[in-house]
């Protein structure tokens, strides 16, 4: 299911920025140092330069920039009013942060691993040739749906550990439902665990921005991005909103060195929307893929024009497959009276009910397996969080499973679906492309789990990540420095 509509329209403060001079040109040049040792030296130099500038003057200049009318900002290459951003004044980048490189992370929802080659996505394929890519795809975490995987990519945690176990679920401890379609839920940081990469960066004095990335509206691990956009479906899907993400990313990177974000996350909901409605092989889905590819090309050109050392990473959260057959409805095989349900997730008040329904569903059909929560196969990483329900249903193929039929009438499953185990349904695999000054050129990687993106991106930003489910070793061969950890977080 795509993330569209995961929060309703909310008003956000609209700020505008124009390019401003950040002091001696040496400051900007210093951020291009490649080794950790050079970056530490750069940070010391930047601290000396910054000593000439006073914090009140910085704040006054920022306030003036925020007050500029949108028309002036547009004329000067500032933020695009089609995507209002909320700005939190977290202060300037630390001198250490200024000396680090930049990472721009882009997610194309539902862009299946094989779409780029199948439909000749020239910009994505060129990005892969310039740097690295996964020709056979990247493995999403289970379940292969939008909200859990976007949180996994930016925390390095499997869904059972960061807590967002599905797009919609029930928490037995809170006795409350979570829905990605509820603005209050997605902006409530108490639902989330882990440390998103923007929270990690902000805690280290490094400014960040999130342009519609799922979860970025919430305060998680005590932090929010310095810049973020509230999700609005109309804005997200409009042509103006799609272009605005490129314009805003470029404008933020043209800010003075002490203000500009070093990590920017950008989310697009296509081609997932078309994949659901028309199927993965439909002309409409193919057209949406190529539209996203063209936007990646525009973004790459805009980033290149800044002259900054930027690593561009383009990923997706999952693939899409046409389901086989009609709906499989669990209450046709078991009495679910007294159960809370969300989709195919089942929550009982008593152990007796859990055991009873498990036994009833074991005999139901070969189209799904049923497990007690503690016995879900270890490779799914889905056996430790009560939010996953108990018993747990795992489809054995591209089968549409639900607890109940809707009360307002039945319908066929959508033309495209996801959420399945990518090891069983390979169409679930996601895309991965990346290039930049920290990334080796002309390399391919075998399929890898998306939890490994987190330590890899943290390394490129010079950050030491907290304990997580990923490993830098998996992607260290794609890094020019081989993943050496000397100098991470030094000198802040």
Protein backbone atom coordinates (compact mmCIF):
# COMPACT_ATOMS: atom_id res chain seq x y z
CA UNK A 1 0.00 0.00 0.00
CA UNK A 2 1.40 3.38 -0.91
CA UNK A 3 1.99 6.06 1.68
CA UNK A 4 -0.42 8.46 0.05
CA UNK A 5 -2.83 9.84 2.60
CA UNK A 6 -0.73 8.73 5.57
CA UNK A 7 -1.42 12.11 7.12
CA UNK A 8 -3.97 14.74 6.41
CA UNK A 9 -3.31 18.33 5.38
CA UNK A 10 -1.67 20.36 8.10
CA UNK A 11 -0.55 23.92 8.10
CA UNK A 12 3.20 24.46 8.32
CA UNK A 13 5.28 27.58 8.57
CA UNK A 14 6.50 28.75 5.20
CA UNK A 15 10.05 30.00 5.06
CA UNK A 16 11.96 31.34 2.07
CA UNK A 17 15.67 31.46 1.54
CA UNK A 18 17.99 33.01 -0.97
CA UNK A 19 21.66 32.28 -1.41
CA UNK A 20 23.79 34.15 1.09
CA UNK A 21 27.53 34.47 1.45
CA UNK A 22 28.83 32.33 4.29
CA UNK A 23 32.11 34.08 4.90
CA UNK A 24 35.50 33.26 3.39
CA UNK A 25 35.29 30.95 0.40
CA UNK A 26 37.67 28.63 2.19
CA UNK A 27 34.79 27.51 4.41
CA UNK A 28 32.88 25.95 1.54
CA UNK A 29 36.02 24.45 0.06
CA UNK A 30 36.91 22.78 3.33
CA UNK A 31 33.86 20.53 3.24
CA UNK A 32 35.38 18.73 0.27
CA UNK A 33 38.12 17.07 2.30
CA UNK A 34 37.83 13.34 1.72
CA UNK A 35 39.60 11.61 4.61
CA UNK A 36 38.47 11.76 8.25
CA UNK A 37 41.84 13.29 9.20
CA UNK A 38 41.41 16.06 6.62
CA UNK A 39 37.88 16.66 7.82
CA UNK A 40 39.10 17.05 11.43
CA UNK A 41 41.61 19.65 10.26
CA UNK A 42 38.87 21.37 8.28
CA UNK A 43 36.66 21.50 11.36
CA UNK A 44 39.38 23.23 13.36
CA UNK A 45 39.81 25.84 10.63
CA UNK A 46 36.06 26.41 10.38
CA UNK A 47 35.85 26.97 14.14
CA UNK A 48 38.43 29.70 13.80
CA UNK A 49 36.58 31.39 10.95
CA UNK A 50 33.24 31.12 12.71
CA UNK A 51 34.63 32.86 15.79
CA UNK A 52 34.39 36.11 13.79
CA UNK A 53 30.61 35.79 13.49
CA UNK A 54 28.14 36.31 16.30
CA UNK A 55 25.10 34.10 16.97
CA UNK A 56 22.67 37.07 17.20
CA UNK A 57 23.69 38.17 13.73
CA UNK A 58 23.16 34.65 12.41
CA UNK A 59 19.69 34.47 13.90
CA UNK A 60 18.78 37.91 12.58
CA UNK A 61 19.87 36.95 9.07
CA UNK A 62 17.90 33.72 9.24
CA UNK A 63 14.79 35.57 10.42
CA UNK A 64 15.13 37.99 7.51
CA UNK A 65 15.41 35.13 5.06
CA UNK A 66 12.35 33.44 6.52
CA UNK A 67 10.38 36.64 6.14
CA UNK A 68 11.09 37.12 2.45
CA UNK A 69 8.01 36.79 0.22
CA UNK A 70 7.68 33.63 -1.84
CA UNK A 71 7.94 35.51 -5.13
CA UNK A 72 11.33 36.90 -4.15
CA UNK A 73 12.50 33.47 -3.09
CA UNK A 74 11.44 31.98 -6.41
CA UNK A 75 13.22 34.69 -8.35
CA UNK A 76 16.37 34.09 -6.32
CA UNK A 77 16.24 30.30 -6.58
CA UNK A 78 14.79 29.80 -3.09
CA UNK A 79 12.28 27.36 -1.65
CA UNK A 80 9.30 26.47 -3.79
CA UNK A 81 5.97 27.57 -2.22
CA UNK A 82 4.25 24.48 -3.63
CA UNK A 83 5.79 22.53 -0.74
CA UNK A 84 5.66 24.53 2.51
CA UNK A 85 8.38 23.57 4.96
CA UNK A 86 8.44 23.81 8.73
CA UNK A 87 11.74 25.22 10.00
CA UNK A 88 13.06 24.59 13.52
CA UNK A 89 15.98 26.75 14.59
CA UNK A 90 18.42 24.17 15.90
CA UNK A 91 21.30 26.58 15.58
CA UNK A 92 24.13 26.37 13.07
CA UNK A 93 25.99 23.28 11.97
CA UNK A 94 28.85 22.51 14.31
CA UNK A 95 32.31 23.12 12.90
CA UNK A 96 32.76 19.35 12.77
CA UNK A 97 29.49 18.95 10.83
CA UNK A 98 30.44 21.63 8.30
CA UNK A 99 33.48 19.59 7.34
CA UNK A 100 31.43 16.50 6.43
CA UNK A 101 30.07 15.51 3.05
CA UNK A 102 26.35 15.48 2.14
CA UNK A 103 23.88 12.64 1.59
CA UNK A 104 20.61 13.01 -0.34
CA UNK A 105 18.36 9.96 0.03
CA UNK A 106 15.42 9.53 -2.38
CA UNK A 107 12.69 6.90 -2.13
CA UNK A 108 10.48 5.98 -5.09
CA UNK A 109 7.61 4.05 -3.54
CA UNK A 110 6.97 0.69 -5.19
CA UNK A 111 9.77 1.01 -7.79
CA UNK A 112 10.42 -2.70 -8.25
CA UNK A 113 13.99 -3.90 -8.61
CA UNK A 114 13.63 -4.81 -12.29
CA UNK A 115 11.68 -1.75 -13.49
CA UNK A 116 14.73 0.33 -14.40
CA UNK A 117 16.14 -2.18 -16.89
CA UNK A 118 12.76 -3.35 -18.09
CA UNK A 119 11.61 0.13 -19.05
CA UNK A 120 14.98 1.78 -19.78
CA UNK A 121 15.11 4.26 -16.89
CA UNK A 122 18.11 6.08 -18.32
CA UNK A 123 18.87 8.38 -15.38
CA UNK A 124 18.74 5.66 -12.75
CA UNK A 125 20.84 3.31 -14.86
CA UNK A 126 23.36 6.09 -15.46
CA UNK A 127 23.53 6.75 -11.71
CA UNK A 128 24.26 3.07 -11.17
CA UNK A 129 27.04 3.12 -13.78
CA UNK A 130 28.58 6.19 -12.16
CA UNK A 131 28.53 4.54 -8.76
CA UNK A 132 26.92 1.36 -7.45
CA UNK A 133 23.62 -0.42 -7.88
CA UNK A 134 21.91 -3.72 -7.15
CA UNK A 135 20.93 -5.31 -10.50
CA UNK A 136 19.05 -8.11 -8.70
CA UNK A 137 17.48 -5.79 -6.16
CA UNK A 138 17.56 -4.93 -2.47
CA UNK A 139 15.65 -7.01 0.09
CA UNK A 140 12.93 -5.13 1.96
CA UNK A 141 12.17 -6.06 5.54
CA UNK A 142 9.08 -8.12 6.30
CA UNK A 143 6.33 -7.14 5.76
CA UNK A 144 7.26 -5.50 2.47
CA UNK A 145 5.01 -2.45 2.91
CA UNK A 146 5.64 1.29 2.94
CA UNK A 147 5.76 2.64 6.46
CA UNK A 148 7.75 -0.17 8.10
CA UNK A 149 10.40 -0.16 5.38
CA UNK A 150 10.85 3.60 5.34
CA UNK A 151 11.48 3.45 9.09
CA UNK A 152 13.82 0.49 8.63
CA UNK A 153 15.95 2.30 6.07
CA UNK A 154 16.49 5.32 8.33
CA UNK A 155 16.91 3.46 11.66
CA UNK A 156 18.69 0.26 10.60
CA UNK A 157 16.12 -1.70 12.62
CA UNK A 158 13.74 -4.44 11.55
CA UNK A 159 10.07 -3.50 11.99
CA UNK A 160 9.76 -5.60 15.14
CA UNK A 161 12.46 -3.42 16.70
CA UNK A 162 11.47 0.08 15.54
CA UNK A 163 7.85 -0.74 16.31
CA UNK A 164 6.09 0.11 13.04
CA UNK A 165 5.23 -3.49 12.19
CA UNK A 166 2.70 -2.67 9.44
CA UNK A 167 1.03 0.29 7.77
CA UNK A 168 -1.89 -0.28 10.14
CA UNK A 169 -1.71 -2.30 13.37
CA UNK A 170 -2.96 -2.62 16.95
CA UNK A 171 -0.86 -2.22 20.08
CA UNK A 172 -2.20 -4.54 22.82
CA UNK A 173 -0.30 -2.67 25.52
CA UNK A 174 -1.65 0.74 24.53
CA UNK A 175 -5.00 -0.71 23.48
CA UNK A 176 -4.83 1.60 20.49
CA UNK A 177 -4.63 1.31 16.71
CA UNK A 178 -1.91 2.93 14.59
CA UNK A 179 -2.64 3.99 11.02
CA UNK A 180 -0.32 5.64 8.54
CA UNK A 181 -3.45 7.44 7.31
CA UNK A 182 -3.88 9.21 10.65
CA UNK A 183 -1.99 12.49 10.97
CA UNK A 184 -2.02 12.32 14.77
CA UNK A 185 -0.56 8.81 14.83
CA UNK A 186 2.30 9.46 12.41
CA UNK A 187 3.32 12.66 14.22
CA UNK A 188 3.29 10.99 17.66
CA UNK A 189 6.86 9.98 18.42
CA UNK A 190 5.81 7.57 21.17
CA UNK A 191 4.89 4.99 18.51
CA UNK A 192 8.48 4.83 17.21
CA UNK A 193 11.67 3.25 18.55
CA UNK A 194 15.23 3.60 17.31
CA UNK A 195 17.23 6.64 16.23
CA UNK A 196 16.46 7.91 12.71
CA UNK A 197 19.52 9.11 10.86
CA UNK A 198 18.23 12.69 10.98
CA UNK A 199 17.87 12.45 14.78
CA UNK A 200 21.38 11.03 15.03
CA UNK A 201 22.75 13.87 12.88
CA UNK A 202 20.85 16.61 14.71
CA UNK A 203 22.12 15.30 18.06
CA UNK A 204 25.66 15.67 16.70
CA UNK A 205 25.17 19.28 15.61
CA UNK A 206 24.47 18.45 11.95
CA UNK A 207 21.43 20.01 10.28
CA UNK A 208 19.00 17.85 8.26
CA UNK A 209 15.86 18.12 6.11
CA UNK A 210 13.06 15.67 5.27
CA UNK A 211 10.76 16.34 2.34
CA UNK A 212 7.71 14.10 2.98
CA UNK A 213 9.69 11.11 4.29
CA UNK A 214 7.38 8.88 6.38
CA UNK A 215 7.82 9.46 10.11
CA UNK A 216 9.71 12.73 9.76
CA UNK A 217 6.89 14.79 11.29
CA UNK A 218 7.34 13.07 14.67
CA UNK A 219 9.87 13.84 17.36
CA UNK A 220 11.83 10.59 17.58
CA UNK A 221 14.78 10.01 19.92
CA UNK A 222 14.33 13.57 21.12
CA UNK A 223 14.86 15.21 17.73
CA UNK A 224 13.10 16.44 14.59
CA UNK A 225 14.74 17.50 11.32
CA UNK A 226 15.64 21.18 11.09
CA UNK A 227 13.45 21.35 7.97
CA UNK A 228 10.47 19.11 7.22
CA UNK A 229 7.22 19.07 5.26
CA UNK A 230 3.83 17.97 6.57
CA UNK A 231 2.30 15.31 4.37
CA UNK A 232 -0.60 16.35 2.18
CA UNK A 233 -1.79 13.95 -0.51
CA UNK A 234 -2.82 16.66 -2.96
CA UNK A 235 0.56 18.37 -2.66
CA UNK A 236 2.52 15.12 -2.76
CA UNK A 237 0.93 13.89 -5.98
CA UNK A 238 0.80 17.19 -7.87
CA UNK A 239 3.31 18.08 -10.55
CA UNK A 240 4.13 21.27 -8.67
CA UNK A 241 4.75 19.30 -5.48
CA UNK A 242 6.99 16.84 -7.29
CA UNK A 243 9.12 19.63 -8.72
CA UNK A 244 9.12 21.47 -5.38
CA UNK A 245 11.05 18.66 -3.71
CA UNK A 246 13.86 19.19 -6.21
CA UNK A 247 13.73 22.98 -5.89
CA UNK A 248 13.69 22.85 -2.10
CA UNK A 249 16.58 20.40 -1.88
CA UNK A 250 18.69 22.61 -4.14
CA UNK A 251 17.69 25.78 -2.26
CA UNK A 252 18.57 24.27 1.10
CA UNK A 253 21.97 23.24 -0.22
CA UNK A 254 22.58 26.81 -1.37
CA UNK A 255 22.21 28.13 2.16
CA UNK A 256 25.33 29.37 3.93
CA UNK A 257 27.55 26.52 5.10
CA UNK A 258 26.53 26.93 8.73
CA UNK A 259 22.83 26.58 7.82
CA UNK A 260 22.61 24.02 5.05
CA UNK A 261 21.49 20.46 5.82
CA UNK A 262 24.00 17.67 5.31
CA UNK A 263 21.32 14.99 5.12
CA UNK A 264 18.17 15.37 3.01
CA UNK A 265 15.51 12.65 2.65
CA UNK A 266 12.96 12.91 -0.18
CA UNK A 267 9.90 10.72 -0.72
CA UNK A 268 7.80 10.15 -3.87
CA UNK A 269 4.67 7.94 -3.84
CA UNK A 270 5.01 6.77 -7.45
CA UNK A 271 4.95 4.31 -9.14
CA UNK A 272 3.28 2.53 -6.19
CA UNK A 273 -0.05 4.28 -6.72
CA UNK A 274 -0.28 3.20 -10.36
CA UNK A 275 1.00 -0.27 -9.52
CA UNK A 276 -1.87 -0.83 -7.10
CA UNK A 277 -4.53 0.52 -9.42
CA UNK A 278 -3.38 -0.92 -12.74
CA UNK A 279 -0.84 -3.65 -11.94
CA UNK A 280 2.95 -3.79 -12.28
CA UNK A 281 2.96 -4.36 -16.04
CA UNK A 282 0.37 -1.76 -17.03
CA UNK A 283 1.21 1.18 -19.33
CA UNK A 284 0.19 3.58 -16.57
CA UNK A 285 2.72 2.05 -14.18
CA UNK A 286 5.47 2.13 -16.79
CA UNK A 287 4.72 5.79 -17.51
CA UNK A 288 4.93 6.60 -13.79
CA UNK A 289 8.29 4.82 -13.57
CA UNK A 290 9.72 6.94 -16.38
CA UNK A 291 8.31 10.11 -14.84
CA UNK A 292 10.14 9.28 -11.61
CA UNK A 293 13.29 8.54 -13.58
CA UNK A 294 13.09 11.97 -15.21
CA UNK A 295 12.69 13.61 -11.78
CA UNK A 296 15.81 11.78 -10.59
CA UNK A 297 17.64 13.20 -13.60
CA UNK A 298 16.49 16.73 -12.73
CA UNK A 299 17.47 16.29 -9.10
CA UNK A 300 20.92 14.97 -10.04
CA UNK A 301 21.52 17.99 -12.28
CA UNK A 302 20.41 20.37 -9.53
CA UNK A 303 22.68 18.71 -6.98
CA UNK A 304 25.63 18.74 -9.37
CA UNK A 305 25.11 22.47 -9.93
CA UNK A 306 25.77 23.19 -6.24
CA UNK A 307 29.37 22.01 -6.56
CA UNK A 308 29.10 20.33 -3.15
CA UNK A 309 30.37 16.81 -2.33
CA UNK A 310 26.99 15.06 -2.38
CA UNK A 311 26.31 11.32 -2.31
CA UNK A 312 22.97 10.68 -4.04
CA UNK A 313 21.19 7.48 -2.96
CA UNK A 314 17.98 6.37 -4.72
CA UNK A 315 16.03 3.46 -3.27
CA UNK A 316 12.54 2.03 -3.07
CA UNK A 317 10.69 0.38 -0.21
CA UNK A 318 9.34 -2.69 -2.01
CA UNK A 319 8.17 -4.06 -5.34
CA UNK A 320 4.71 -5.02 -6.62
CA UNK A 321 3.08 -8.19 -7.93
CA UNK A 322 -0.29 -9.06 -9.40
CA UNK A 323 -2.08 -11.22 -6.82
CA UNK A 324 -3.28 -14.71 -7.68
CA UNK A 325 -6.94 -15.49 -7.09
CA UNK A 326 -9.44 -13.66 -4.94
CA UNK A 327 -9.47 -12.68 -1.28
CA UNK A 328 -8.68 -15.26 1.38
CA UNK A 329 -10.80 -14.27 4.37
CA UNK A 330 -9.68 -15.69 7.70
CA UNK A 331 -13.04 -15.56 9.46
CA UNK A 332 -14.25 -18.17 6.99
CA UNK A 333 -11.86 -20.65 8.62
CA UNK A 334 -11.89 -19.55 12.27
CA UNK A 335 -14.16 -17.83 14.77
CA UNK A 336 -12.54 -14.41 15.32
CA UNK A 337 -15.17 -13.12 17.73
CA UNK A 338 -13.49 -10.93 20.36
CA UNK A 339 -10.34 -10.40 18.24
CA UNK A 340 -8.99 -7.00 17.32
CA UNK A 341 -7.89 -7.13 13.67
CA UNK A 342 -5.98 -4.98 11.18
CA UNK A 343 -5.76 -6.44 7.69
CA UNK A 344 -4.59 -9.99 8.35
CA UNK A 345 -3.16 -9.18 11.80
CA UNK A 346 -4.96 -10.88 14.71
CA UNK A 347 -5.03 -9.80 18.37
CA UNK A 348 -6.79 -11.82 21.08
CA UNK A 349 -7.39 -10.94 24.72
CA UNK A 350 -6.74 -14.45 26.01
CA UNK A 351 -4.19 -17.17 25.45
CA UNK A 352 -7.02 -19.66 25.04
CA UNK A 353 -8.35 -17.71 22.04
CA UNK A 354 -4.89 -17.41 20.50
CA UNK A 355 -4.31 -21.15 20.81
CA UNK A 356 -7.77 -22.00 19.50
CA UNK A 357 -7.56 -19.83 16.37
CA UNK A 358 -4.04 -21.09 15.67
CA UNK A 359 -5.31 -24.66 15.63
CA UNK A 360 -8.30 -23.75 13.43
CA UNK A 361 -6.21 -21.85 10.89
CA UNK A 362 -3.54 -24.56 10.64
CA UNK A 363 -6.02 -26.66 8.69
CA UNK A 364 -7.35 -23.84 6.49
CA UNK A 365 -5.36 -23.66 3.23
CA UNK A 366 -1.92 -24.04 1.70
CA UNK A 367 -2.00 -20.38 0.63
CA UNK A 368 -0.74 -19.21 3.99
CA UNK A 369 1.19 -20.49 6.98
CA UNK A 370 0.08 -19.72 10.51
CA UNK A 371 2.55 -19.39 13.40
CA UNK A 372 2.42 -18.54 17.05
CA UNK A 373 4.27 -15.24 17.36
CA UNK A 374 7.29 -16.75 19.12
CA UNK A 375 7.64 -19.37 16.36
CA UNK A 376 7.64 -17.10 13.28
CA UNK A 377 10.73 -18.10 11.24
CA UNK A 378 13.83 -16.24 12.36
CA UNK A 379 14.65 -14.99 8.85
CA UNK A 380 11.50 -12.83 8.87
CA UNK A 381 12.61 -10.97 12.04
CA UNK A 382 8.98 -10.79 13.05
CA UNK A 383 8.61 -12.86 16.22
CA UNK A 384 9.31 -10.49 19.11
CA UNK A 385 6.80 -7.64 19.01
CA UNK A 386 3.20 -8.11 20.23
CA UNK A 387 2.11 -5.48 17.70
CA UNK A 388 2.54 -8.17 15.02
CA UNK A 389 -0.36 -10.10 16.57
CA UNK A 390 -0.66 -13.75 17.59
CA UNK A 391 -1.16 -16.01 15.72
CA UNK A 392 0.72 -14.60 12.73
CA UNK A 393 -0.35 -15.25 9.14
CA UNK A 394 2.35 -15.44 6.43
CA UNK A 395 1.21 -15.87 2.82
CA UNK A 396 3.03 -18.62 0.89
CA UNK A 397 2.73 -16.73 -2.41
CA UNK A 398 1.11 -13.61 -3.89
CA UNK A 399 -2.20 -14.24 -2.16
CA UNK A 400 -4.47 -11.53 -0.76
CA UNK A 401 -5.26 -12.36 2.87
CA UNK A 402 -7.53 -10.45 5.25
CA UNK A 403 -9.29 -11.12 8.53
CA UNK A 404 -12.76 -9.92 7.45
CA UNK A 405 -14.58 -8.80 4.33
CA UNK A 406 -15.62 -5.12 4.45
CA UNK A 407 -19.10 -4.44 5.76
CA UNK A 408 -19.95 -2.15 2.84
CA UNK A 409 -19.56 -4.74 0.10
CA UNK A 410 -16.83 -6.93 -1.33
CA UNK A 411 -14.49 -6.34 -4.23
CA UNK A 412 -11.61 -8.02 -5.99
CA UNK A 413 -8.06 -7.54 -4.68
CA UNK A 414 -6.21 -4.61 -6.25
CA UNK A 415 -4.36 -5.17 -9.51
CA UNK A 416 -1.03 -4.88 -7.71
CA UNK A 417 -0.08 -5.85 -4.15
CA UNK A 418 2.91 -6.21 -1.87
CA UNK A 419 3.68 -7.12 1.74
CA UNK A 420 4.96 -10.63 0.98
CA UNK A 421 8.23 -12.29 1.95
CA UNK A 422 10.75 -11.22 -0.73
CA UNK A 423 12.52 -14.58 -0.44
CA UNK A 424 9.29 -16.30 -1.50
CA UNK A 425 7.89 -13.64 -3.84
CA UNK A 426 10.91 -12.05 -5.58
CA UNK A 427 8.75 -9.31 -7.11
CA UNK A 428 8.89 -7.73 -3.63
CA UNK A 429 12.55 -6.77 -4.04
CA UNK A 430 13.32 -3.05 -4.06
CA UNK A 431 15.72 -0.83 -6.02
CA UNK A 432 19.11 0.60 -5.02
CA UNK A 433 21.29 3.09 -6.92
CA UNK A 434 23.96 5.43 -5.52
CA UNK A 435 26.83 7.63 -6.69
CA UNK A 436 28.96 10.37 -5.20
CA UNK A 437 32.40 11.30 -3.87
CA UNK A 438 32.36 8.63 -1.14
CA UNK A 439 31.19 5.81 -3.44
CA UNK A 440 33.31 3.71 -5.79
CA UNK A 441 32.40 3.84 -9.46
CA UNK A 442 31.15 1.04 -11.68
CA UNK A 443 30.34 -1.51 -8.99
CA UNK A 444 27.35 -3.82 -8.57
CA UNK A 445 26.18 -5.48 -5.36
CA UNK A 446 24.24 -8.67 -4.74
CA UNK A 447 20.85 -8.44 -3.02
CA UNK A 448 21.23 -7.20 0.56
CA UNK A 449 18.83 -6.38 3.38
CA UNK A 450 17.78 -2.75 3.60
CA UNK A 451 18.73 -2.52 7.30
CA UNK A 452 22.30 -2.14 6.04
CA UNK A 453 21.63 1.26 4.48
CA UNK A 454 21.64 2.95 7.90
CA UNK A 455 25.23 2.30 9.01
CA UNK A 456 26.41 2.88 5.44
CA UNK A 457 24.80 6.34 5.17
CA UNK A 458 25.89 7.23 8.69
CA UNK A 459 29.47 6.43 7.71
CA UNK A 460 29.32 8.73 4.68
CA UNK A 461 28.13 11.52 6.99
CA UNK A 462 30.91 10.85 9.49
CA UNK A 463 28.45 9.64 12.15
CA UNK A 464 28.78 6.72 14.55
CA UNK A 465 25.39 4.98 14.59
CA UNK A 466 23.87 3.42 17.69
CA UNK A 467 23.38 -0.33 17.88
CA UNK A 468 21.18 -1.48 15.02
CA UNK A 469 20.32 -4.55 12.94
CA UNK A 470 22.50 -3.59 9.98
CA UNK A 471 26.22 -3.93 9.38
CA UNK A 472 28.60 -1.59 7.59
CA UNK A 473 30.53 -4.65 6.43
CA UNK A 474 27.78 -5.54 3.95
CA UNK A 475 28.29 -2.38 1.84
CA UNK A 476 31.82 -1.37 2.88
CA UNK A 477 33.14 -2.50 -0.49
CA UNK A 478 31.13 0.26 -2.16
CA UNK A 479 32.96 2.99 -0.19
CA UNK A 480 36.14 4.64 -1.36
CA UNK A 481 37.59 4.45 2.16
CA UNK A 482 36.54 0.83 2.58
CA UNK A 483 34.42 1.71 5.61
CA UNK A 484 37.29 2.70 7.91
CA UNK A 485 35.96 4.23 11.11
CA UNK A 486 38.79 6.59 12.05
CA UNK A 487 37.60 10.10 12.73
CA UNK A 488 33.84 9.44 12.93
CA UNK A 489 32.10 12.07 15.07
CA UNK A 490 35.50 13.56 15.89
CA UNK A 491 35.92 17.18 16.79
CA UNK A 492 32.27 18.17 17.17
